[in-house]
Amino acid sequence: MSKFRQTKFNLLIILVFMAGIFFSCGRQPEANSEQKSVNPDSLNQDVNLLTNAIIKNPDKTAPYLERAQYYIKKEMFNEALQDVNKALSLDEKDARVYTTLSDVYLYSGKTQKALDALKKAATLAPEDADIDVKTARLFLTMSDYKQTFNYLREALKKDRDNAEAFFISGLANEEMGDTVKAIDSYQQTVARDQKHYDALKQLGILFSIKRD
């Protein structure tokens, strides 16, 4: 408990400074949208580095999945899917392949396929709390709060200190209009990960609203 109180004290200090960066945080998505155009030289350089890792370890799934995640961030979903399929051909029992596949489907708007991939991952790694957390986040995008909290409870049974589980709980409570529970969930997040930027940002927003 003493560690938690110390974290709350640190959090109050951080929130004082967050007021100064609040508006810049709010403008961040706009800046990102302006940067959506990809620099071909930078893209080629990044892909070459990831490809070299694959050349060095052609029989490992990890480098293919790493390049797939890069492609997902660049919204190059066909390329990402090719890498995931290659990883799948190397090891169809690697749960990470299916969690990455779920990301490809989720960010390309194929929600049901994303869910199916996560269910497959869960059968391969039933004790992996992060898979439950990813599934909870998926249900949150569908505004299915009952399933969101069901999977979060399962995740926390396996890993009581899973910061991301508490963060998603905060998002769900906030969407449902329960700011008290949302704040508590975000504080629980920061108690477990003091550098969780998104939780700190949401706390800053909610506390600024309460002051108003």
N, C-alpha and C. Protein backbone atom coordinates (compact mmCIF):
# COMPACT_ATOMS: atom_id res chain seq x y z
N MET A 1 0.82 -1.21 0.00
CA MET A 1 0.00 0.00 0.00
C MET A 1 0.86 1.26 0.00
N SER A 2 2.00 1.21 0.68
CA SER A 2 2.85 2.40 0.74
C SER A 2 3.34 2.78 -0.65
N LYS A 3 3.64 1.76 -1.46
CA LYS A 3 4.08 2.03 -2.83
C LYS A 3 2.96 2.70 -3.62
N PHE A 4 1.73 2.26 -3.39
CA PHE A 4 0.59 2.84 -4.10
C PHE A 4 0.38 4.29 -3.69
N ARG A 5 0.52 4.58 -2.37
CA ARG A 5 0.37 5.97 -1.92
C ARG A 5 1.44 6.85 -2.52
N GLN A 6 2.68 6.32 -2.60
CA GLN A 6 3.77 7.10 -3.20
C GLN A 6 3.47 7.40 -4.66
N THR A 7 2.91 6.41 -5.34
CA THR A 7 2.56 6.61 -6.74
C THR A 7 1.50 7.69 -6.89
N LYS A 8 0.50 7.66 -6.01
CA LYS A 8 -0.55 8.68 -6.07
C LYS A 8 0.04 10.07 -5.81
N PHE A 9 1.00 10.14 -4.89
CA PHE A 9 1.65 11.42 -4.63
C PHE A 9 2.40 11.91 -5.85
N ASN A 10 3.14 10.98 -6.49
CA ASN A 10 3.86 11.34 -7.71
C ASN A 10 2.88 11.77 -8.81
N LEU A 11 1.75 11.11 -8.84
CA LEU A 11 0.75 11.41 -9.85
C LEU A 11 0.23 12.83 -9.71
N LEU A 12 0.00 13.26 -8.47
CA LEU A 12 -0.49 14.62 -8.25
C LEU A 12 0.52 15.65 -8.76
N ILE A 13 1.80 15.35 -8.57
CA ILE A 13 2.84 16.25 -9.07
C ILE A 13 2.80 16.30 -10.59
N ILE A 14 2.67 15.13 -11.19
CA ILE A 14 2.65 15.06 -12.66
C ILE A 14 1.46 15.83 -13.21
N LEU A 15 0.31 15.71 -12.54
CA LEU A 15 -0.90 16.35 -13.04
C LEU A 15 -0.78 17.87 -13.05
N VAL A 16 0.01 18.41 -12.12
CA VAL A 16 0.22 19.86 -12.11
C VAL A 16 0.87 20.30 -13.42
N PHE A 17 1.83 19.50 -13.88
CA PHE A 17 2.53 19.84 -15.12
C PHE A 17 1.69 19.52 -16.35
N MET A 18 0.77 18.58 -16.20
CA MET A 18 -0.03 18.19 -17.36
C MET A 18 -0.94 19.30 -17.85
N ALA A 19 -1.33 20.18 -16.94
CA ALA A 19 -2.17 21.30 -17.35
C ALA A 19 -1.48 22.13 -18.42
N GLY A 20 -0.15 22.24 -18.29
CA GLY A 20 0.60 23.03 -19.26
C GLY A 20 0.71 22.40 -20.62
N ILE A 21 0.66 21.04 -20.67
CA ILE A 21 0.80 20.36 -21.96
C ILE A 21 -0.53 19.84 -22.49
N PHE A 22 -1.60 20.14 -21.77
CA PHE A 22 -2.90 19.58 -22.11
C PHE A 22 -3.32 19.92 -23.53
N PHE A 23 -3.19 21.20 -23.90
CA PHE A 23 -3.66 21.59 -25.22
C PHE A 23 -2.76 21.04 -26.32
N SER A 24 -1.47 20.94 -26.05
CA SER A 24 -0.59 20.36 -27.06
C SER A 24 -0.91 18.89 -27.26
N CYS A 25 -1.31 18.20 -26.18
CA CYS A 25 -1.71 16.80 -26.31
C CYS A 25 -2.96 16.69 -27.16
N GLY A 26 -3.88 17.63 -26.96
CA GLY A 26 -5.12 17.60 -27.70
C GLY A 26 -4.91 17.80 -29.18
N ARG A 27 -3.84 18.50 -29.56
CA ARG A 27 -3.60 18.77 -30.97
C ARG A 27 -2.76 17.69 -31.63
N GLN A 28 -2.31 16.72 -30.86
CA GLN A 28 -1.41 15.71 -31.40
C GLN A 28 -1.98 14.94 -32.58
N PRO A 29 -3.26 14.48 -32.55
CA PRO A 29 -3.78 13.73 -33.69
C PRO A 29 -3.74 14.52 -34.98
N GLU A 30 -3.98 15.85 -34.89
CA GLU A 30 -3.94 16.68 -36.09
C GLU A 30 -2.56 16.67 -36.70
N ALA A 31 -1.54 16.76 -35.84
CA ALA A 31 -0.17 16.74 -36.34
C ALA A 31 0.14 15.41 -37.00
N ASN A 32 -0.35 14.32 -36.40
CA ASN A 32 -0.10 13.00 -36.96
C ASN A 32 -0.74 12.86 -38.33
N SER A 33 -1.94 13.44 -38.49
CA SER A 33 -2.63 13.32 -39.76
C SER A 33 -1.86 14.03 -40.87
N GLU A 34 -1.14 15.09 -40.50
CA GLU A 34 -0.36 15.81 -41.49
C GLU A 34 0.88 15.01 -41.89
N GLN A 35 1.30 14.09 -41.01
CA GLN A 35 2.51 13.33 -41.27
C GLN A 35 2.21 11.97 -41.88
N LYS A 36 0.97 11.76 -42.33
CA LYS A 36 0.59 10.45 -42.83
C LYS A 36 1.33 10.08 -44.11
N SER A 37 1.76 11.08 -44.91
CA SER A 37 2.48 10.76 -46.12
C SER A 37 3.81 10.12 -45.75
N VAL A 38 4.11 9.00 -46.38
CA VAL A 38 5.30 8.23 -46.03
C VAL A 38 6.48 8.66 -46.88
N ASN A 39 7.59 8.91 -46.23
CA ASN A 39 8.82 9.21 -46.94
C ASN A 39 9.36 7.91 -47.53
N PRO A 40 9.41 7.79 -48.86
CA PRO A 40 9.84 6.52 -49.47
C PRO A 40 11.23 6.09 -49.03
N ASP A 41 12.15 7.04 -48.91
CA ASP A 41 13.52 6.69 -48.51
C ASP A 41 13.54 6.12 -47.10
N SER A 42 12.79 6.78 -46.20
CA SER A 42 12.73 6.31 -44.82
C SER A 42 12.07 4.93 -44.74
N LEU A 43 11.00 4.76 -45.53
CA LEU A 43 10.29 3.48 -45.56
C LEU A 43 11.22 2.37 -46.03
N ASN A 44 11.93 2.62 -47.12
CA ASN A 44 12.83 1.61 -47.66
C ASN A 44 13.94 1.26 -46.67
N GLN A 45 14.44 2.27 -45.99
CA GLN A 45 15.51 2.03 -45.02
C GLN A 45 15.01 1.17 -43.86
N ASP A 46 13.82 1.50 -43.35
CA ASP A 46 13.26 0.72 -42.24
C ASP A 46 12.97 -0.72 -42.67
N VAL A 47 12.37 -0.87 -43.84
CA VAL A 47 12.05 -2.20 -44.34
C VAL A 47 13.31 -3.02 -44.57
N ASN A 48 14.35 -2.36 -45.07
CA ASN A 48 15.62 -3.07 -45.31
C ASN A 48 16.21 -3.61 -44.01
N LEU A 49 16.13 -2.80 -42.95
CA LEU A 49 16.65 -3.25 -41.66
C LEU A 49 15.87 -4.47 -41.16
N LEU A 50 14.55 -4.40 -41.28
CA LEU A 50 13.71 -5.51 -40.84
C LEU A 50 13.92 -6.74 -41.72
N THR A 51 14.12 -6.51 -43.00
CA THR A 51 14.35 -7.62 -43.93
C THR A 51 15.68 -8.30 -43.64
N ASN A 52 16.69 -7.51 -43.29
CA ASN A 52 17.99 -8.09 -42.94
C ASN A 52 17.88 -9.02 -41.74
N ALA A 53 17.01 -8.64 -40.79
CA ALA A 53 16.80 -9.50 -39.62
C ALA A 53 16.16 -10.82 -40.04
N ILE A 54 15.29 -10.76 -41.05
CA ILE A 54 14.66 -11.98 -41.57
C ILE A 54 15.70 -12.85 -42.27
N ILE A 55 16.58 -12.21 -43.04
CA ILE A 55 17.61 -12.96 -43.77
C ILE A 55 18.53 -13.70 -42.79
N LYS A 56 18.81 -13.06 -41.65
CA LYS A 56 19.68 -13.69 -40.66
C LYS A 56 18.97 -14.83 -39.92
N ASN A 57 17.64 -14.73 -39.82
CA ASN A 57 16.88 -15.76 -39.09
C ASN A 57 15.66 -16.17 -39.91
N PRO A 58 15.89 -16.80 -41.05
CA PRO A 58 14.77 -17.11 -41.97
C PRO A 58 13.79 -18.14 -41.43
N ASP A 59 14.19 -18.89 -40.41
CA ASP A 59 13.32 -19.94 -39.88
C ASP A 59 12.63 -19.54 -38.58
N LYS A 60 12.74 -18.27 -38.21
CA LYS A 60 12.13 -17.77 -36.98
C LYS A 60 10.90 -16.92 -37.31
N THR A 61 9.87 -17.03 -36.48
CA THR A 61 8.66 -16.24 -36.72
C THR A 61 8.83 -14.78 -36.30
N ALA A 62 9.65 -14.53 -35.28
CA ALA A 62 9.73 -13.20 -34.68
C ALA A 62 10.06 -12.08 -35.67
N PRO A 63 11.09 -12.23 -36.53
CA PRO A 63 11.39 -11.12 -37.45
C PRO A 63 10.28 -10.85 -38.46
N TYR A 64 9.57 -11.90 -38.88
CA TYR A 64 8.43 -11.69 -39.78
C TYR A 64 7.32 -10.91 -39.08
N LEU A 65 7.09 -11.25 -37.81
CA LEU A 65 6.04 -10.57 -37.06
C LEU A 65 6.42 -9.12 -36.77
N GLU A 66 7.71 -8.89 -36.56
CA GLU A 66 8.17 -7.52 -36.32
C GLU A 66 7.96 -6.67 -37.57
N ARG A 67 8.29 -7.23 -38.73
CA ARG A 67 8.07 -6.47 -39.96
C ARG A 67 6.58 -6.30 -40.23
N ALA A 68 5.79 -7.30 -39.89
CA ALA A 68 4.34 -7.19 -40.06
C ALA A 68 3.78 -6.05 -39.22
N GLN A 69 4.26 -5.93 -37.97
CA GLN A 69 3.79 -4.84 -37.12
C GLN A 69 4.18 -3.48 -37.70
N TYR A 70 5.35 -3.41 -38.31
CA TYR A 70 5.77 -2.17 -38.96
C TYR A 70 4.82 -1.83 -40.11
N TYR A 71 4.49 -2.83 -40.91
CA TYR A 71 3.57 -2.61 -42.03
C TYR A 71 2.19 -2.18 -41.53
N ILE A 72 1.75 -2.76 -40.41
CA ILE A 72 0.45 -2.38 -39.85
C ILE A 72 0.44 -0.90 -39.50
N LYS A 73 1.51 -0.43 -38.86
CA LYS A 73 1.60 0.99 -38.49
C LYS A 73 1.56 1.89 -39.71
N LYS A 74 2.08 1.39 -40.83
CA LYS A 74 2.08 2.17 -42.07
C LYS A 74 0.82 1.92 -42.90
N GLU A 75 -0.11 1.14 -42.34
CA GLU A 75 -1.37 0.80 -43.01
C GLU A 75 -1.14 0.06 -44.33
N MET A 76 -0.08 -0.74 -44.35
CA MET A 76 0.24 -1.58 -45.51
C MET A 76 -0.20 -3.01 -45.17
N PHE A 77 -1.51 -3.21 -45.18
CA PHE A 77 -2.08 -4.43 -44.61
C PHE A 77 -1.81 -5.68 -45.47
N ASN A 78 -1.75 -5.53 -46.77
CA ASN A 78 -1.46 -6.69 -47.62
C ASN A 78 -0.06 -7.23 -47.34
N GLU A 79 0.90 -6.31 -47.20
CA GLU A 79 2.26 -6.72 -46.90
C GLU A 79 2.35 -7.36 -45.52
N ALA A 80 1.61 -6.77 -44.57
CA ALA A 80 1.60 -7.32 -43.21
C ALA A 80 1.03 -8.74 -43.21
N LEU A 81 -0.04 -8.92 -43.96
CA LEU A 81 -0.68 -10.24 -44.01
C LEU A 81 0.25 -11.28 -44.64
N GLN A 82 1.02 -10.88 -45.63
CA GLN A 82 1.97 -11.80 -46.24
C GLN A 82 3.01 -12.27 -45.23
N ASP A 83 3.50 -11.33 -44.41
CA ASP A 83 4.49 -11.70 -43.40
C ASP A 83 3.88 -12.61 -42.32
N VAL A 84 2.65 -12.32 -41.93
CA VAL A 84 1.99 -13.16 -40.93
C VAL A 84 1.78 -14.57 -41.48
N ASN A 85 1.37 -14.65 -42.73
CA ASN A 85 1.17 -15.97 -43.35
C ASN A 85 2.47 -16.75 -43.43
N LYS A 86 3.57 -16.05 -43.70
CA LYS A 86 4.87 -16.71 -43.73
C LYS A 86 5.23 -17.23 -42.33
N ALA A 87 4.99 -16.39 -41.32
CA ALA A 87 5.25 -16.82 -39.94
C ALA A 87 4.38 -18.02 -39.57
N LEU A 88 3.15 -18.00 -40.05
CA LEU A 88 2.23 -19.10 -39.78
C LEU A 88 2.73 -20.40 -40.41
N SER A 89 3.33 -20.30 -41.58
CA SER A 89 3.86 -21.50 -42.24
C SER A 89 5.07 -22.06 -41.50
N LEU A 90 5.76 -21.18 -40.75
CA LEU A 90 6.93 -21.62 -39.99
C LEU A 90 6.53 -22.26 -38.66
N ASP A 91 5.49 -21.71 -38.03
CA ASP A 91 5.08 -22.25 -36.72
C ASP A 91 3.61 -21.90 -36.49
N GLU A 92 2.75 -22.84 -36.79
CA GLU A 92 1.32 -22.60 -36.66
C GLU A 92 0.83 -22.70 -35.22
N LYS A 93 1.75 -23.02 -34.30
CA LYS A 93 1.37 -23.11 -32.89
C LYS A 93 1.93 -21.95 -32.06
N ASP A 94 2.44 -20.95 -32.73
CA ASP A 94 2.95 -19.75 -32.06
C ASP A 94 1.79 -18.77 -31.87
N ALA A 95 1.38 -18.56 -30.63
CA ALA A 95 0.24 -17.68 -30.36
C ALA A 95 0.48 -16.26 -30.84
N ARG A 96 1.74 -15.83 -30.85
CA ARG A 96 2.05 -14.46 -31.29
C ARG A 96 1.67 -14.23 -32.75
N VAL A 97 1.72 -15.29 -33.54
CA VAL A 97 1.34 -15.16 -34.95
C VAL A 97 -0.13 -14.75 -35.04
N TYR A 98 -0.96 -15.36 -34.21
CA TYR A 98 -2.39 -15.09 -34.27
C TYR A 98 -2.75 -13.74 -33.65
N THR A 99 -2.00 -13.32 -32.63
CA THR A 99 -2.28 -11.98 -32.09
C THR A 99 -1.88 -10.90 -33.10
N THR A 100 -0.80 -11.15 -33.83
CA THR A 100 -0.42 -10.20 -34.89
C THR A 100 -1.44 -10.23 -36.03
N LEU A 101 -1.91 -11.42 -36.35
CA LEU A 101 -2.95 -11.55 -37.38
C LEU A 101 -4.20 -10.78 -36.96
N SER A 102 -4.53 -10.84 -35.69
CA SER A 102 -5.70 -10.10 -35.20
C SER A 102 -5.51 -8.60 -35.39
N ASP A 103 -4.27 -8.12 -35.21
CA ASP A 103 -3.99 -6.70 -35.43
C ASP A 103 -4.20 -6.31 -36.89
N VAL A 104 -3.73 -7.17 -37.79
CA VAL A 104 -3.91 -6.90 -39.22
C VAL A 104 -5.40 -6.76 -39.54
N TYR A 105 -6.19 -7.71 -39.05
CA TYR A 105 -7.62 -7.68 -39.34
C TYR A 105 -8.32 -6.51 -38.65
N LEU A 106 -7.94 -6.25 -37.39
CA LEU A 106 -8.61 -5.19 -36.65
C LEU A 106 -8.41 -3.84 -37.32
N TYR A 107 -7.16 -3.52 -37.65
CA TYR A 107 -6.86 -2.20 -38.20
C TYR A 107 -7.25 -2.07 -39.67
N SER A 108 -7.58 -3.19 -40.30
CA SER A 108 -8.09 -3.11 -41.67
C SER A 108 -9.61 -3.25 -41.69
N GLY A 109 -10.23 -3.19 -40.49
CA GLY A 109 -11.68 -3.14 -40.40
C GLY A 109 -12.39 -4.48 -40.43
N LYS A 110 -11.66 -5.58 -40.21
CA LYS A 110 -12.27 -6.91 -40.25
C LYS A 110 -12.38 -7.44 -38.82
N THR A 111 -13.37 -6.94 -38.11
CA THR A 111 -13.48 -7.19 -36.67
C THR A 111 -13.69 -8.66 -36.34
N GLN A 112 -14.58 -9.33 -37.05
CA GLN A 112 -14.86 -10.73 -36.73
C GLN A 112 -13.64 -11.60 -36.95
N LYS A 113 -12.91 -11.35 -38.03
CA LYS A 113 -11.70 -12.13 -38.28
C LYS A 113 -10.65 -11.85 -37.20
N ALA A 114 -10.60 -10.62 -36.73
CA ALA A 114 -9.67 -10.28 -35.64
C ALA A 114 -10.02 -11.06 -34.38
N LEU A 115 -11.31 -11.15 -34.09
CA LEU A 115 -11.77 -11.89 -32.92
C LEU A 115 -11.46 -13.38 -33.05
N ASP A 116 -11.68 -13.93 -34.23
CA ASP A 116 -11.38 -15.35 -34.46
C ASP A 116 -9.90 -15.64 -34.25
N ALA A 117 -9.05 -14.72 -34.70
CA ALA A 117 -7.60 -14.91 -34.54
C ALA A 117 -7.21 -14.89 -33.06
N LEU A 118 -7.84 -14.01 -32.29
CA LEU A 118 -7.54 -13.94 -30.86
C LEU A 118 -8.03 -15.20 -30.13
N LYS A 119 -9.16 -15.72 -30.55
CA LYS A 119 -9.65 -16.96 -29.93
C LYS A 119 -8.68 -18.11 -30.19
N LYS A 120 -8.12 -18.15 -31.39
CA LYS A 120 -7.13 -19.17 -31.71
C LYS A 120 -5.88 -18.99 -30.86
N ALA A 121 -5.45 -17.74 -30.70
CA ALA A 121 -4.27 -17.46 -29.87
C ALA A 121 -4.51 -17.92 -28.44
N ALA A 122 -5.72 -17.71 -27.94
CA ALA A 122 -6.04 -18.08 -26.56
C ALA A 122 -5.99 -19.59 -26.35
N THR A 123 -6.35 -20.35 -27.37
CA THR A 123 -6.28 -21.81 -27.25
C THR A 123 -4.83 -22.29 -27.20
N LEU A 124 -3.94 -21.54 -27.84
CA LEU A 124 -2.52 -21.91 -27.87
C LEU A 124 -1.77 -21.44 -26.63
N ALA A 125 -2.23 -20.34 -26.04
CA ALA A 125 -1.57 -19.79 -24.85
C ALA A 125 -2.64 -19.37 -23.84
N PRO A 126 -3.31 -20.34 -23.22
CA PRO A 126 -4.45 -20.04 -22.35
C PRO A 126 -4.10 -19.23 -21.10
N GLU A 127 -2.83 -19.23 -20.70
CA GLU A 127 -2.43 -18.49 -19.50
C GLU A 127 -1.89 -17.10 -19.81
N ASP A 128 -1.93 -16.71 -21.05
CA ASP A 128 -1.40 -15.40 -21.46
C ASP A 128 -2.46 -14.32 -21.23
N ALA A 129 -2.27 -13.52 -20.20
CA ALA A 129 -3.23 -12.47 -19.86
C ALA A 129 -3.32 -11.40 -20.94
N ASP A 130 -2.23 -11.17 -21.65
CA ASP A 130 -2.23 -10.12 -22.67
C ASP A 130 -3.20 -10.43 -23.81
N ILE A 131 -3.43 -11.71 -24.07
CA ILE A 131 -4.40 -12.08 -25.11
C ILE A 131 -5.81 -11.69 -24.66
N ASP A 132 -6.11 -11.92 -23.38
CA ASP A 132 -7.41 -11.50 -22.85
C ASP A 132 -7.56 -9.98 -22.92
N VAL A 133 -6.47 -9.28 -22.65
CA VAL A 133 -6.51 -7.81 -22.69
C VAL A 133 -6.78 -7.33 -24.11
N LYS A 134 -6.10 -7.93 -25.09
CA LYS A 134 -6.33 -7.55 -26.49
C LYS A 134 -7.77 -7.85 -26.90
N THR A 135 -8.30 -8.97 -26.41
CA THR A 135 -9.69 -9.31 -26.73
C THR A 135 -10.65 -8.32 -26.10
N ALA A 136 -10.35 -7.92 -24.87
CA ALA A 136 -11.18 -6.91 -24.20
C ALA A 136 -11.18 -5.60 -24.97
N ARG A 137 -10.00 -5.20 -25.44
CA ARG A 137 -9.91 -3.96 -26.22
C ARG A 137 -10.73 -4.07 -27.51
N LEU A 138 -10.71 -5.24 -28.12
CA LEU A 138 -11.49 -5.45 -29.34
C LEU A 138 -12.98 -5.29 -29.06
N PHE A 139 -13.45 -5.90 -27.98
CA PHE A 139 -14.87 -5.76 -27.64
C PHE A 139 -15.21 -4.32 -27.27
N LEU A 140 -14.25 -3.59 -26.72
CA LEU A 140 -14.48 -2.19 -26.40
C LEU A 140 -14.72 -1.38 -27.67
N THR A 141 -13.99 -1.70 -28.74
CA THR A 141 -14.20 -0.99 -30.01
C THR A 141 -15.60 -1.25 -30.56
N MET A 142 -16.20 -2.36 -30.12
CA MET A 142 -17.55 -2.72 -30.54
C MET A 142 -18.61 -2.22 -29.55
N SER A 143 -18.15 -1.51 -28.50
CA SER A 143 -19.02 -1.01 -27.43
C SER A 143 -19.76 -2.14 -26.72
N ASP A 144 -19.15 -3.32 -26.69
CA ASP A 144 -19.70 -4.45 -25.96
C ASP A 144 -19.03 -4.47 -24.59
N TYR A 145 -19.59 -3.70 -23.66
CA TYR A 145 -18.94 -3.51 -22.37
C TYR A 145 -18.99 -4.76 -21.50
N LYS A 146 -20.05 -5.54 -21.64
CA LYS A 146 -20.15 -6.77 -20.85
C LYS A 146 -18.99 -7.71 -21.16
N GLN A 147 -18.75 -7.93 -22.45
CA GLN A 147 -17.65 -8.81 -22.85
C GLN A 147 -16.29 -8.17 -22.53
N THR A 148 -16.22 -6.86 -22.65
CA THR A 148 -14.98 -6.17 -22.31
C THR A 148 -14.57 -6.48 -20.88
N PHE A 149 -15.51 -6.31 -19.95
CA PHE A 149 -15.19 -6.55 -18.54
C PHE A 149 -15.01 -8.03 -18.24
N ASN A 150 -15.71 -8.90 -18.96
CA ASN A 150 -15.50 -10.34 -18.77
C ASN A 150 -14.05 -10.72 -19.05
N TYR A 151 -13.53 -10.23 -20.17
CA TYR A 151 -12.15 -10.57 -20.54
C TYR A 151 -11.14 -9.87 -19.64
N LEU A 152 -11.46 -8.68 -19.18
CA LEU A 152 -10.55 -8.00 -18.25
C LEU A 152 -10.46 -8.75 -16.93
N ARG A 153 -11.58 -9.27 -16.46
CA ARG A 153 -11.55 -10.07 -15.23
C ARG A 153 -10.68 -11.31 -15.41
N GLU A 154 -10.81 -11.94 -16.56
CA GLU A 154 -9.99 -13.12 -16.83
C GLU A 154 -8.50 -12.75 -16.87
N ALA A 155 -8.20 -11.63 -17.48
CA ALA A 155 -6.81 -11.18 -17.57
C ALA A 155 -6.23 -10.93 -16.18
N LEU A 156 -7.00 -10.28 -15.32
CA LEU A 156 -6.50 -9.94 -13.99
C LEU A 156 -6.43 -11.14 -13.06
N LYS A 157 -7.17 -12.19 -13.37
CA LYS A 157 -7.00 -13.44 -12.62
C LYS A 157 -5.62 -14.03 -12.90
N LYS A 158 -5.16 -13.86 -14.13
CA LYS A 158 -3.88 -14.42 -14.54
C LYS A 158 -2.71 -13.50 -14.19
N ASP A 159 -2.97 -12.20 -14.22
CA ASP A 159 -1.91 -11.22 -13.96
C ASP A 159 -2.52 -10.01 -13.27
N ARG A 160 -2.46 -10.01 -11.95
CA ARG A 160 -3.11 -8.96 -11.16
C ARG A 160 -2.49 -7.59 -11.40
N ASP A 161 -1.26 -7.56 -11.88
CA ASP A 161 -0.57 -6.28 -12.08
C ASP A 161 -0.50 -5.88 -13.55
N ASN A 162 -1.42 -6.37 -14.34
CA ASN A 162 -1.44 -6.02 -15.76
C ASN A 162 -1.98 -4.60 -15.92
N ALA A 163 -1.07 -3.66 -16.15
CA ALA A 163 -1.45 -2.25 -16.21
C ALA A 163 -2.43 -1.97 -17.34
N GLU A 164 -2.24 -2.63 -18.47
CA GLU A 164 -3.09 -2.36 -19.63
C GLU A 164 -4.53 -2.79 -19.37
N ALA A 165 -4.71 -3.83 -18.57
CA ALA A 165 -6.07 -4.27 -18.23
C ALA A 165 -6.80 -3.17 -17.46
N PHE A 166 -6.12 -2.55 -16.51
CA PHE A 166 -6.73 -1.46 -15.76
C PHE A 166 -7.00 -0.25 -16.66
N PHE A 167 -6.08 -0.01 -17.61
CA PHE A 167 -6.28 1.13 -18.50
C PHE A 167 -7.52 0.95 -19.36
N ILE A 168 -7.69 -0.24 -19.92
CA ILE A 168 -8.87 -0.48 -20.76
C ILE A 168 -10.14 -0.42 -19.92
N SER A 169 -10.05 -0.88 -18.67
CA SER A 169 -11.18 -0.73 -17.76
C SER A 169 -11.54 0.74 -17.59
N GLY A 170 -10.52 1.58 -17.50
CA GLY A 170 -10.76 3.02 -17.39
C GLY A 170 -11.45 3.57 -18.62
N LEU A 171 -10.99 3.16 -19.80
CA LEU A 171 -11.62 3.61 -21.04
C LEU A 171 -13.08 3.19 -21.11
N ALA A 172 -13.34 1.93 -20.72
CA ALA A 172 -14.71 1.42 -20.76
C ALA A 172 -15.61 2.18 -19.79
N ASN A 173 -15.11 2.38 -18.57
CA ASN A 173 -15.91 3.13 -17.58
C ASN A 173 -16.15 4.56 -18.03
N GLU A 174 -15.14 5.15 -18.66
CA GLU A 174 -15.29 6.53 -19.14
C GLU A 174 -16.34 6.60 -20.24
N GLU A 175 -16.31 5.63 -21.16
CA GLU A 175 -17.31 5.61 -22.23
C GLU A 175 -18.72 5.42 -21.67
N MET A 176 -18.81 4.68 -20.56
CA MET A 176 -20.10 4.42 -19.94
C MET A 176 -20.56 5.57 -19.05
N GLY A 177 -19.71 6.59 -18.91
CA GLY A 177 -20.09 7.77 -18.15
C GLY A 177 -19.77 7.72 -16.67
N ASP A 178 -19.05 6.70 -16.23
CA ASP A 178 -18.70 6.57 -14.81
C ASP A 178 -17.28 7.09 -14.60
N THR A 179 -17.16 8.39 -14.40
CA THR A 179 -15.83 8.99 -14.29
C THR A 179 -15.12 8.60 -12.99
N VAL A 180 -15.89 8.31 -11.94
CA VAL A 180 -15.27 7.92 -10.67
C VAL A 180 -14.51 6.59 -10.85
N LYS A 181 -15.18 5.62 -11.45
CA LYS A 181 -14.52 4.33 -11.69
C LYS A 181 -13.41 4.47 -12.73
N ALA A 182 -13.62 5.35 -13.70
CA ALA A 182 -12.58 5.56 -14.72
C ALA A 182 -11.31 6.10 -14.08
N ILE A 183 -11.46 7.11 -13.22
CA ILE A 183 -10.30 7.69 -12.54
C ILE A 183 -9.59 6.64 -11.69
N ASP A 184 -10.38 5.84 -10.97
CA ASP A 184 -9.78 4.79 -10.15
C ASP A 184 -8.99 3.80 -11.01
N SER A 185 -9.55 3.43 -12.16
CA SER A 185 -8.86 2.48 -13.04
C SER A 185 -7.58 3.08 -13.60
N TYR A 186 -7.62 4.35 -13.98
CA TYR A 186 -6.41 5.00 -14.50
C TYR A 186 -5.35 5.12 -13.40
N GLN A 187 -5.78 5.40 -12.18
CA GLN A 187 -4.83 5.47 -11.07
C GLN A 187 -4.21 4.09 -10.80
N GLN A 188 -5.02 3.05 -10.92
CA GLN A 188 -4.50 1.69 -10.77
C GLN A 188 -3.48 1.39 -11.88
N THR A 189 -3.75 1.92 -13.07
CA THR A 189 -2.81 1.73 -14.18
C THR A 189 -1.46 2.35 -13.85
N VAL A 190 -1.49 3.60 -13.40
CA VAL A 190 -0.26 4.33 -13.12
C VAL A 190 0.46 3.73 -11.91
N ALA A 191 -0.30 3.17 -10.98
CA ALA A 191 0.33 2.51 -9.83
C ALA A 191 1.21 1.35 -10.28
N ARG A 192 0.87 0.76 -11.42
CA ARG A 192 1.62 -0.39 -11.93
C ARG A 192 2.59 -0.01 -13.04
N ASP A 193 2.35 1.13 -13.67
CA ASP A 193 3.24 1.60 -14.73
C ASP A 193 3.23 3.13 -14.70
N GLN A 194 4.20 3.69 -14.00
CA GLN A 194 4.21 5.14 -13.80
C GLN A 194 4.50 5.92 -15.08
N LYS A 195 4.91 5.23 -16.14
CA LYS A 195 5.20 5.90 -17.41
C LYS A 195 4.10 5.66 -18.44
N HIS A 196 2.94 5.21 -17.99
CA HIS A 196 1.84 4.94 -18.91
C HIS A 196 1.24 6.28 -19.36
N TYR A 197 1.72 6.78 -20.49
CA TYR A 197 1.36 8.12 -20.96
C TYR A 197 -0.14 8.28 -21.15
N ASP A 198 -0.78 7.29 -21.78
CA ASP A 198 -2.21 7.42 -22.08
C ASP A 198 -3.05 7.51 -20.81
N ALA A 199 -2.68 6.75 -19.79
CA ALA A 199 -3.42 6.82 -18.52
C ALA A 199 -3.22 8.18 -17.87
N LEU A 200 -1.99 8.68 -17.89
CA LEU A 200 -1.72 10.00 -17.32
C LEU A 200 -2.50 11.09 -18.07
N LYS A 201 -2.55 10.95 -19.38
CA LYS A 201 -3.27 11.93 -20.19
C LYS A 201 -4.76 11.92 -19.85
N GLN A 202 -5.35 10.72 -19.76
CA GLN A 202 -6.78 10.63 -19.44
C GLN A 202 -7.07 11.18 -18.04
N LEU A 203 -6.17 10.92 -17.10
CA LEU A 203 -6.36 11.48 -15.76
C LEU A 203 -6.32 13.00 -15.80
N GLY A 204 -5.38 13.55 -16.57
CA GLY A 204 -5.29 15.00 -16.69
C GLY A 204 -6.57 15.59 -17.25
N ILE A 205 -7.12 14.93 -18.27
CA ILE A 205 -8.36 15.40 -18.89
C ILE A 205 -9.52 15.35 -17.89
N LEU A 206 -9.66 14.22 -17.20
CA LEU A 206 -10.78 14.06 -16.27
C LEU A 206 -10.68 15.01 -15.09
N PHE A 207 -9.47 15.20 -14.56
CA PHE A 207 -9.32 16.11 -13.43
C PHE A 207 -9.55 17.56 -13.85
N SER A 208 -9.17 17.90 -15.09
CA SER A 208 -9.41 19.26 -15.56
C SER A 208 -10.91 19.51 -15.73
N ILE A 209 -11.64 18.48 -16.15
CA ILE A 209 -13.10 18.60 -16.28
C ILE A 209 -13.74 18.77 -14.91
N LYS A 210 -13.25 18.01 -13.93
CA LYS A 210 -13.80 18.10 -12.57
C LYS A 210 -13.56 19.48 -11.98
N ARG A 211 -12.39 20.08 -12.29
CA ARG A 211 -12.11 21.43 -11.77
C ARG A 211 -13.07 22.44 -12.36
N ASP A 212 -13.43 22.23 -13.65
CA ASP A 212 -14.36 23.16 -14.30
C ASP A 212 -15.77 22.99 -13.76
